[in-house]
Protein backbone atom coordinates (compact mmCIF):
# COMPACT_ATOMS: atom_id res chain seq x y z
CA UNK A 1 -0.39 -0.07 0.06
CA UNK A 2 1.29 3.29 -1.29
CA UNK A 3 2.25 6.35 2.16
CA UNK A 4 -1.18 8.84 0.85
CA UNK A 5 -3.18 5.54 0.22
CA UNK A 6 -1.71 3.98 4.32
CA UNK A 7 -2.01 7.63 5.55
CA UNK A 8 -6.09 7.80 4.22
CA UNK A 9 -6.33 4.42 5.35
CA UNK A 10 -5.60 5.40 8.82
CA UNK A 11 -7.60 8.65 9.49
CA UNK A 12 -10.83 6.73 8.18
CA UNK A 13 -10.60 3.60 10.87
CA UNK A 14 -9.69 6.86 13.22
CA UNK A 15 -12.75 9.07 11.91
CA UNK A 16 -14.91 5.79 12.55
CA UNK A 17 -13.94 5.74 16.07
CA UNK A 18 -16.11 6.61 18.66
CA UNK A 19 -15.00 5.45 22.70
CA UNK A 20 -12.69 8.37 23.97
CA UNK A 21 -10.15 5.41 26.13
CA UNK A 22 -9.35 3.95 22.28
CA UNK A 23 -9.08 7.22 20.60
CA UNK A 24 -7.06 8.71 23.89
CA UNK A 25 -4.67 5.31 23.78
CA UNK A 26 -3.99 6.92 20.31
CA UNK A 27 -3.01 9.78 22.09
CA UNK A 28 -0.65 8.00 24.06
CA UNK A 29 1.27 5.72 20.91
CA UNK A 30 0.90 9.52 19.08
CA UNK A 31 3.07 11.69 21.90
CA UNK A 32 5.19 7.89 22.81
CA UNK A 33 6.25 8.03 18.86
CA UNK A 34 6.99 11.39 18.49
CA UNK A 35 9.10 11.67 22.19
CA UNK A 36 11.06 8.74 20.97
CA UNK A 37 12.24 10.08 17.68
CA UNK A 38 12.01 5.81 16.36
CA UNK A 39 14.05 5.66 13.72
CA UNK A 40 11.14 2.86 11.75
CA UNK A 41 13.77 2.88 8.45
CA UNK A 42 16.44 1.19 11.07
CA UNK A 43 14.63 -1.07 12.76
CA UNK A 44 12.70 -2.85 9.59
CA UNK A 45 16.61 -3.01 8.28
CA UNK A 46 17.26 -5.08 11.12
CA UNK A 47 14.28 -7.18 10.19
CA UNK A 48 14.45 -8.07 7.27
CA UNK A 49 18.10 -9.46 7.48
CA UNK A 50 17.56 -11.21 10.64
CA UNK A 51 17.24 -15.10 9.72
CA UNK A 52 14.64 -16.93 11.47
CA UNK A 53 14.70 -19.63 9.97
CA UNK A 54 16.32 -22.09 12.92
CA UNK A 55 13.49 -20.27 15.13
CA UNK A 56 10.94 -21.55 12.56
CA UNK A 57 12.53 -25.43 11.86
CA UNK A 58 12.94 -25.35 16.28
CA UNK A 59 9.11 -24.51 16.50
CA UNK A 60 7.78 -26.13 13.69
CA UNK A 61 9.86 -30.10 15.15
CA UNK A 62 7.77 -28.90 19.02
CA UNK A 63 5.30 -28.67 16.90
């Protein structure tokens, strides 16, 4: 999904929320993200490089 489509989809979902507790939770999350200045690009690069093959093999073996 393109950036603008994703933003539009998120805004539509937020506009449909009527519960103040949920809206306050979303506000807290947004405040935390702004304050923490998380580098999402770096996080995505780390996750893309991490190999979960051994973990998945062990999980399947234990099923």
